[in-house]
Amino acid sequence: MTLAQRAMEQLEVWPDLSSGSASCGAGRALRSVHSEIVHFHSDRDVDLHLTSGAIGRFHADLQESTAIRLVPGSDWVTVHLDCDTDVDLLMSLVSAALKAHQNRPSPAGRTAGDECNFRRVTVLPRG
């Protein structure tokens, strides 16, 4: 079982999340009643809809993590799963994302920041 599969199985049992196809057309998604929260694009790459407010609050810590990729102007972060600790980080960030979406006003339409980072991030192997 891949790290992404393991993370997906853990998150699918969370009562605030339901699974379906990702709106970007690539992979599976988990969504809350407010928004899509997580896109599983590959065995290692996961996009997380963290919101600009949460990214701003955690920006310094996110930049320090070797597992996180930030795209300027995006409300999403990409988490590259290389080890169990990365899965733990994803779980913590999903919890933060759910809280951020509860406090976020519902947008009238999709903005550029609401598009996930699929094909906008290149993840190089750690070495």
N, C-alpha and C. Protein backbone atom coordinates (compact mmCIF):
# COMPACT_ATOMS: atom_id res chain seq x y z
N MET A 1 0.84 -1.18 0.00
CA MET A 1 0.00 0.00 0.00
C MET A 1 0.89 1.25 0.00
N THR A 2 0.57 2.20 -0.86
CA THR A 2 1.35 3.43 -0.92
C THR A 2 0.98 4.36 0.23
N LEU A 3 1.84 5.35 0.46
CA LEU A 3 1.56 6.33 1.51
C LEU A 3 0.28 7.10 1.22
N ALA A 4 0.05 7.44 -0.05
CA ALA A 4 -1.17 8.16 -0.42
C ALA A 4 -2.41 7.30 -0.17
N GLN A 5 -2.34 6.02 -0.49
CA GLN A 5 -3.47 5.13 -0.25
C GLN A 5 -3.76 5.03 1.25
N ARG A 6 -2.70 4.91 2.03
CA ARG A 6 -2.88 4.83 3.48
C ARG A 6 -3.51 6.12 4.02
N ALA A 7 -3.02 7.26 3.55
CA ALA A 7 -3.59 8.54 3.99
C ALA A 7 -5.05 8.66 3.58
N MET A 8 -5.36 8.27 2.36
CA MET A 8 -6.75 8.34 1.87
C MET A 8 -7.65 7.46 2.73
N GLU A 9 -7.22 6.26 3.05
CA GLU A 9 -8.03 5.37 3.88
C GLU A 9 -8.26 5.96 5.27
N GLN A 10 -7.25 6.58 5.84
CA GLN A 10 -7.40 7.20 7.15
C GLN A 10 -8.39 8.37 7.09
N LEU A 11 -8.28 9.17 6.05
CA LEU A 11 -9.13 10.37 5.95
C LEU A 11 -10.56 10.04 5.55
N GLU A 12 -10.77 8.97 4.80
CA GLU A 12 -12.12 8.62 4.37
C GLU A 12 -13.06 8.31 5.54
N VAL A 13 -12.52 7.94 6.68
CA VAL A 13 -13.37 7.64 7.83
C VAL A 13 -13.67 8.88 8.68
N TRP A 14 -13.04 10.01 8.35
CA TRP A 14 -13.34 11.23 9.08
C TRP A 14 -14.78 11.63 8.76
N PRO A 15 -15.59 11.94 9.76
CA PRO A 15 -17.01 12.23 9.51
C PRO A 15 -17.26 13.50 8.70
N ASP A 16 -16.32 14.42 8.65
CA ASP A 16 -16.51 15.68 7.92
C ASP A 16 -16.11 15.59 6.46
N LEU A 17 -15.63 14.42 6.00
CA LEU A 17 -15.13 14.28 4.64
C LEU A 17 -15.88 13.19 3.88
N SER A 18 -16.08 13.44 2.59
CA SER A 18 -16.64 12.41 1.71
C SER A 18 -15.78 12.35 0.45
N SER A 19 -15.73 11.19 -0.19
CA SER A 19 -14.84 11.02 -1.34
C SER A 19 -15.58 11.12 -2.66
N GLY A 20 -14.81 11.42 -3.69
CA GLY A 20 -15.34 11.52 -5.05
C GLY A 20 -14.21 11.84 -6.00
N SER A 21 -14.56 12.17 -7.22
CA SER A 21 -13.56 12.55 -8.22
C SER A 21 -13.09 13.97 -7.97
N ALA A 22 -11.82 14.22 -8.25
CA ALA A 22 -11.28 15.57 -8.10
C ALA A 22 -11.80 16.46 -9.22
N SER A 23 -12.15 17.69 -8.89
CA SER A 23 -12.70 18.62 -9.88
C SER A 23 -11.69 18.98 -10.97
N CYS A 24 -10.40 18.81 -10.69
CA CYS A 24 -9.37 19.10 -11.68
C CYS A 24 -9.27 17.99 -12.72
N GLY A 25 -9.96 16.87 -12.47
CA GLY A 25 -9.96 15.77 -13.41
C GLY A 25 -8.85 14.75 -13.21
N ALA A 26 -8.05 14.92 -12.15
CA ALA A 26 -6.93 14.01 -11.92
C ALA A 26 -6.99 13.44 -10.51
N GLY A 27 -7.36 12.19 -10.37
CA GLY A 27 -7.32 11.52 -9.08
C GLY A 27 -8.61 11.60 -8.30
N ARG A 28 -8.48 11.28 -7.02
CA ARG A 28 -9.61 11.25 -6.09
C ARG A 28 -9.56 12.48 -5.19
N ALA A 29 -10.73 12.87 -4.71
CA ALA A 29 -10.83 14.03 -3.83
C ALA A 29 -11.58 13.65 -2.57
N LEU A 30 -11.29 14.37 -1.52
CA LEU A 30 -12.09 14.35 -0.31
C LEU A 30 -12.61 15.76 -0.11
N ARG A 31 -13.89 15.87 0.20
CA ARG A 31 -14.49 17.19 0.34
C ARG A 31 -15.30 17.29 1.62
N SER A 32 -15.42 18.52 2.08
CA SER A 32 -16.30 18.83 3.20
C SER A 32 -17.59 19.39 2.60
N VAL A 33 -18.51 19.81 3.44
CA VAL A 33 -19.73 20.44 2.93
C VAL A 33 -19.43 21.78 2.29
N HIS A 34 -18.26 22.37 2.61
CA HIS A 34 -17.90 23.69 2.11
C HIS A 34 -17.11 23.66 0.81
N SER A 35 -16.22 22.68 0.65
CA SER A 35 -15.27 22.73 -0.47
C SER A 35 -14.53 21.41 -0.61
N GLU A 36 -13.88 21.23 -1.76
CA GLU A 36 -12.94 20.14 -1.88
C GLU A 36 -11.74 20.49 -1.01
N ILE A 37 -11.26 19.51 -0.26
CA ILE A 37 -10.18 19.74 0.70
C ILE A 37 -8.89 19.10 0.23
N VAL A 38 -8.95 17.87 -0.27
CA VAL A 38 -7.75 17.11 -0.62
C VAL A 38 -7.92 16.47 -1.98
N HIS A 39 -6.89 16.57 -2.82
CA HIS A 39 -6.81 15.84 -4.09
C HIS A 39 -5.63 14.89 -4.03
N PHE A 40 -5.87 13.61 -4.24
CA PHE A 40 -4.81 12.60 -4.32
C PHE A 40 -4.49 12.39 -5.79
N HIS A 41 -3.37 12.94 -6.25
CA HIS A 41 -3.02 12.90 -7.67
C HIS A 41 -2.15 11.72 -8.06
N SER A 42 -1.35 11.21 -7.13
CA SER A 42 -0.46 10.09 -7.44
C SER A 42 -0.19 9.32 -6.15
N ASP A 43 0.71 8.37 -6.23
CA ASP A 43 1.07 7.59 -5.05
C ASP A 43 1.80 8.41 -4.00
N ARG A 44 2.27 9.60 -4.38
CA ARG A 44 3.04 10.43 -3.44
C ARG A 44 2.60 11.89 -3.37
N ASP A 45 1.87 12.38 -4.35
CA ASP A 45 1.57 13.81 -4.40
C ASP A 45 0.10 14.09 -4.10
N VAL A 46 -0.09 14.98 -3.12
CA VAL A 46 -1.42 15.32 -2.63
C VAL A 46 -1.53 16.84 -2.61
N ASP A 47 -2.61 17.37 -3.16
CA ASP A 47 -2.88 18.80 -3.06
C ASP A 47 -3.91 19.01 -1.96
N LEU A 48 -3.65 20.01 -1.13
CA LEU A 48 -4.49 20.31 0.03
C LEU A 48 -4.98 21.75 -0.06
N HIS A 49 -6.30 21.94 -0.01
CA HIS A 49 -6.91 23.26 -0.09
C HIS A 49 -6.88 23.89 1.30
N LEU A 50 -5.77 24.52 1.61
CA LEU A 50 -5.52 25.04 2.95
C LEU A 50 -6.14 26.42 3.16
N THR A 51 -6.35 27.19 2.14
CA THR A 51 -6.85 28.57 2.11
C THR A 51 -5.70 29.55 2.30
N SER A 52 -5.87 30.73 1.73
CA SER A 52 -4.81 31.73 1.81
C SER A 52 -4.57 32.20 3.24
N GLY A 53 -5.64 32.28 4.04
CA GLY A 53 -5.47 32.70 5.43
C GLY A 53 -4.62 31.72 6.23
N ALA A 54 -4.91 30.43 6.08
CA ALA A 54 -4.13 29.42 6.80
C ALA A 54 -2.71 29.35 6.28
N ILE A 55 -2.53 29.47 4.97
CA ILE A 55 -1.18 29.47 4.41
C ILE A 55 -0.40 30.65 4.98
N GLY A 56 -1.04 31.80 5.10
CA GLY A 56 -0.38 32.97 5.67
C GLY A 56 0.03 32.75 7.12
N ARG A 57 -0.85 32.12 7.90
CA ARG A 57 -0.54 31.86 9.31
C ARG A 57 0.61 30.88 9.48
N PHE A 58 0.67 29.87 8.61
CA PHE A 58 1.68 28.81 8.73
C PHE A 58 2.84 28.96 7.75
N HIS A 59 2.91 30.08 7.04
CA HIS A 59 3.83 30.23 5.91
C HIS A 59 5.27 29.88 6.26
N ALA A 60 5.79 30.41 7.35
CA ALA A 60 7.20 30.14 7.70
C ALA A 60 7.44 28.66 7.93
N ASP A 61 6.53 28.00 8.63
CA ASP A 61 6.67 26.56 8.88
C ASP A 61 6.51 25.75 7.59
N LEU A 62 5.58 26.15 6.75
CA LEU A 62 5.38 25.44 5.48
C LEU A 62 6.61 25.54 4.60
N GLN A 63 7.22 26.71 4.56
CA GLN A 63 8.42 26.90 3.74
C GLN A 63 9.58 26.04 4.23
N GLU A 64 9.64 25.79 5.51
CA GLU A 64 10.73 25.00 6.09
C GLU A 64 10.59 23.51 5.82
N SER A 65 9.38 23.05 5.55
CA SER A 65 9.14 21.61 5.37
C SER A 65 9.61 21.15 4.00
N THR A 66 10.35 20.05 3.99
CA THR A 66 10.79 19.48 2.71
C THR A 66 9.65 18.75 2.00
N ALA A 67 8.54 18.53 2.69
CA ALA A 67 7.40 17.83 2.09
C ALA A 67 6.42 18.77 1.41
N ILE A 68 6.51 20.07 1.67
CA ILE A 68 5.51 21.03 1.19
C ILE A 68 6.04 21.84 0.02
N ARG A 69 5.18 22.02 -0.97
CA ARG A 69 5.46 22.92 -2.10
C ARG A 69 4.36 23.98 -2.13
N LEU A 70 4.78 25.25 -2.17
CA LEU A 70 3.86 26.38 -2.24
C LEU A 70 3.88 26.97 -3.64
N VAL A 71 2.72 27.39 -4.12
CA VAL A 71 2.59 28.08 -5.39
C VAL A 71 2.06 29.48 -5.08
N PRO A 72 2.80 30.53 -5.44
CA PRO A 72 2.34 31.88 -5.14
C PRO A 72 0.92 32.13 -5.68
N GLY A 73 0.07 32.69 -4.83
CA GLY A 73 -1.29 33.02 -5.22
C GLY A 73 -2.27 31.86 -5.12
N SER A 74 -1.82 30.68 -4.78
CA SER A 74 -2.69 29.51 -4.68
C SER A 74 -3.17 29.32 -3.25
N ASP A 75 -4.43 28.90 -3.11
CA ASP A 75 -4.98 28.54 -1.80
C ASP A 75 -4.65 27.10 -1.44
N TRP A 76 -3.92 26.42 -2.31
CA TRP A 76 -3.57 25.01 -2.14
C TRP A 76 -2.08 24.87 -1.86
N VAL A 77 -1.71 23.82 -1.13
CA VAL A 77 -0.33 23.42 -0.98
C VAL A 77 -0.21 21.99 -1.48
N THR A 78 0.95 21.64 -1.99
CA THR A 78 1.21 20.28 -2.42
C THR A 78 2.05 19.60 -1.36
N VAL A 79 1.61 18.42 -0.94
CA VAL A 79 2.34 17.64 0.05
C VAL A 79 2.91 16.42 -0.67
N HIS A 80 4.21 16.26 -0.62
CA HIS A 80 4.88 15.11 -1.22
C HIS A 80 5.14 14.09 -0.12
N LEU A 81 4.54 12.93 -0.26
CA LEU A 81 4.61 11.89 0.76
C LEU A 81 5.77 10.95 0.49
N ASP A 82 6.81 11.10 1.30
CA ASP A 82 7.99 10.24 1.19
C ASP A 82 8.14 9.30 2.37
N CYS A 83 7.50 9.62 3.50
CA CYS A 83 7.68 8.82 4.71
C CYS A 83 6.45 8.99 5.61
N ASP A 84 6.41 8.20 6.68
CA ASP A 84 5.28 8.24 7.61
C ASP A 84 5.07 9.61 8.22
N THR A 85 6.15 10.33 8.47
CA THR A 85 6.05 11.67 9.04
C THR A 85 5.31 12.62 8.10
N ASP A 86 5.48 12.44 6.79
CA ASP A 86 4.76 13.27 5.82
C ASP A 86 3.26 12.99 5.88
N VAL A 87 2.88 11.74 6.10
CA VAL A 87 1.46 11.40 6.26
C VAL A 87 0.92 12.05 7.52
N ASP A 88 1.68 12.02 8.60
CA ASP A 88 1.25 12.70 9.85
C ASP A 88 1.08 14.19 9.62
N LEU A 89 2.00 14.80 8.88
CA LEU A 89 1.90 16.22 8.55
C LEU A 89 0.62 16.49 7.75
N LEU A 90 0.35 15.64 6.76
CA LEU A 90 -0.87 15.80 5.96
C LEU A 90 -2.11 15.75 6.85
N MET A 91 -2.17 14.80 7.77
CA MET A 91 -3.33 14.68 8.66
C MET A 91 -3.53 15.97 9.47
N SER A 92 -2.45 16.51 9.99
CA SER A 92 -2.54 17.76 10.76
C SER A 92 -3.02 18.91 9.89
N LEU A 93 -2.50 18.98 8.67
CA LEU A 93 -2.89 20.07 7.77
C LEU A 93 -4.32 19.92 7.27
N VAL A 94 -4.80 18.70 7.10
CA VAL A 94 -6.21 18.50 6.72
C VAL A 94 -7.11 19.01 7.84
N SER A 95 -6.74 18.75 9.07
CA SER A 95 -7.51 19.26 10.20
C SER A 95 -7.54 20.79 10.18
N ALA A 96 -6.39 21.40 9.92
CA ALA A 96 -6.32 22.87 9.83
C ALA A 96 -7.15 23.38 8.66
N ALA A 97 -7.12 22.66 7.54
CA ALA A 97 -7.90 23.07 6.36
C ALA A 97 -9.40 23.01 6.64
N LEU A 98 -9.85 21.96 7.31
CA LEU A 98 -11.27 21.87 7.65
C LEU A 98 -11.70 23.05 8.51
N LYS A 99 -10.89 23.39 9.48
CA LYS A 99 -11.21 24.54 10.34
C LYS A 99 -11.21 25.84 9.53
N ALA A 100 -10.23 25.99 8.65
CA ALA A 100 -10.14 27.20 7.83
C ALA A 100 -11.36 27.35 6.92
N HIS A 101 -11.85 26.25 6.39
CA HIS A 101 -13.02 26.31 5.50
C HIS A 101 -14.30 26.58 6.26
N GLN A 102 -14.38 26.19 7.51
CA GLN A 102 -15.56 26.50 8.32
C GLN A 102 -15.68 27.99 8.54
N ASN A 103 -14.54 28.67 8.64
CA ASN A 103 -14.53 30.11 8.91
C ASN A 103 -14.47 30.96 7.65
N ARG A 104 -14.44 30.31 6.50
CA ARG A 104 -14.28 31.03 5.23
C ARG A 104 -15.66 31.28 4.61
N PRO A 105 -15.93 32.51 4.18
CA PRO A 105 -17.21 32.76 3.51
C PRO A 105 -17.29 31.99 2.20
N SER A 106 -18.47 31.55 1.85
CA SER A 106 -18.65 30.81 0.60
C SER A 106 -18.50 31.76 -0.58
N PRO A 107 -17.59 31.45 -1.52
CA PRO A 107 -17.40 32.33 -2.67
C PRO A 107 -18.56 32.20 -3.65
N ALA A 108 -18.84 33.29 -4.37
CA ALA A 108 -19.90 33.27 -5.37
C ALA A 108 -19.51 32.41 -6.56
N GLY A 109 -18.24 32.34 -6.86
CA GLY A 109 -17.73 31.53 -7.96
C GLY A 109 -16.31 31.13 -7.67
N ARG A 110 -15.75 30.31 -8.52
CA ARG A 110 -14.37 29.87 -8.31
C ARG A 110 -13.40 30.96 -8.72
N THR A 111 -12.39 31.15 -7.88
CA THR A 111 -11.34 32.10 -8.21
C THR A 111 -10.09 31.33 -8.58
N ALA A 112 -9.07 32.01 -9.07
CA ALA A 112 -7.83 31.35 -9.46
C ALA A 112 -7.22 30.60 -8.30
N GLY A 113 -7.33 31.12 -7.09
CA GLY A 113 -6.78 30.46 -5.92
C GLY A 113 -7.48 29.17 -5.54
N ASP A 114 -8.69 28.95 -6.08
CA ASP A 114 -9.44 27.74 -5.78
C ASP A 114 -9.03 26.56 -6.65
N GLU A 115 -8.19 26.77 -7.64
CA GLU A 115 -7.72 25.68 -8.48
C GLU A 115 -6.54 25.01 -7.80
N CYS A 116 -6.54 23.69 -7.79
CA CYS A 116 -5.44 22.99 -7.12
C CYS A 116 -4.14 23.17 -7.90
N ASN A 117 -3.06 22.65 -7.35
CA ASN A 117 -1.73 22.86 -7.92
C ASN A 117 -1.32 21.80 -8.93
N PHE A 118 -2.24 20.90 -9.30
CA PHE A 118 -1.89 19.84 -10.24
C PHE A 118 -1.30 20.44 -11.51
N ARG A 119 -0.17 19.93 -11.92
CA ARG A 119 0.62 20.37 -13.08
C ARG A 119 1.25 21.76 -12.89
N ARG A 120 1.16 22.33 -11.69
CA ARG A 120 1.79 23.61 -11.41
C ARG A 120 2.99 23.44 -10.49
N VAL A 121 3.21 22.22 -9.99
CA VAL A 121 4.29 21.94 -9.04
C VAL A 121 5.11 20.79 -9.56
N THR A 122 6.41 20.94 -9.50
CA THR A 122 7.34 19.85 -9.81
C THR A 122 8.01 19.45 -8.50
N VAL A 123 7.87 18.19 -8.17
CA VAL A 123 8.47 17.70 -6.94
C VAL A 123 9.68 16.88 -7.29
N LEU A 124 10.83 17.33 -6.80
CA LEU A 124 12.09 16.62 -7.03
C LEU A 124 12.34 15.68 -5.86
N PRO A 125 12.91 14.52 -6.10
CA PRO A 125 13.19 13.58 -5.01
C PRO A 125 14.14 14.19 -4.00
N ARG A 126 13.92 13.85 -2.72
CA ARG A 126 14.84 14.30 -1.67
C ARG A 126 16.14 13.54 -1.84
N GLY A 127 17.23 14.22 -1.59
CA GLY A 127 18.47 13.50 -1.78
C GLY A 127 19.54 13.85 -0.87
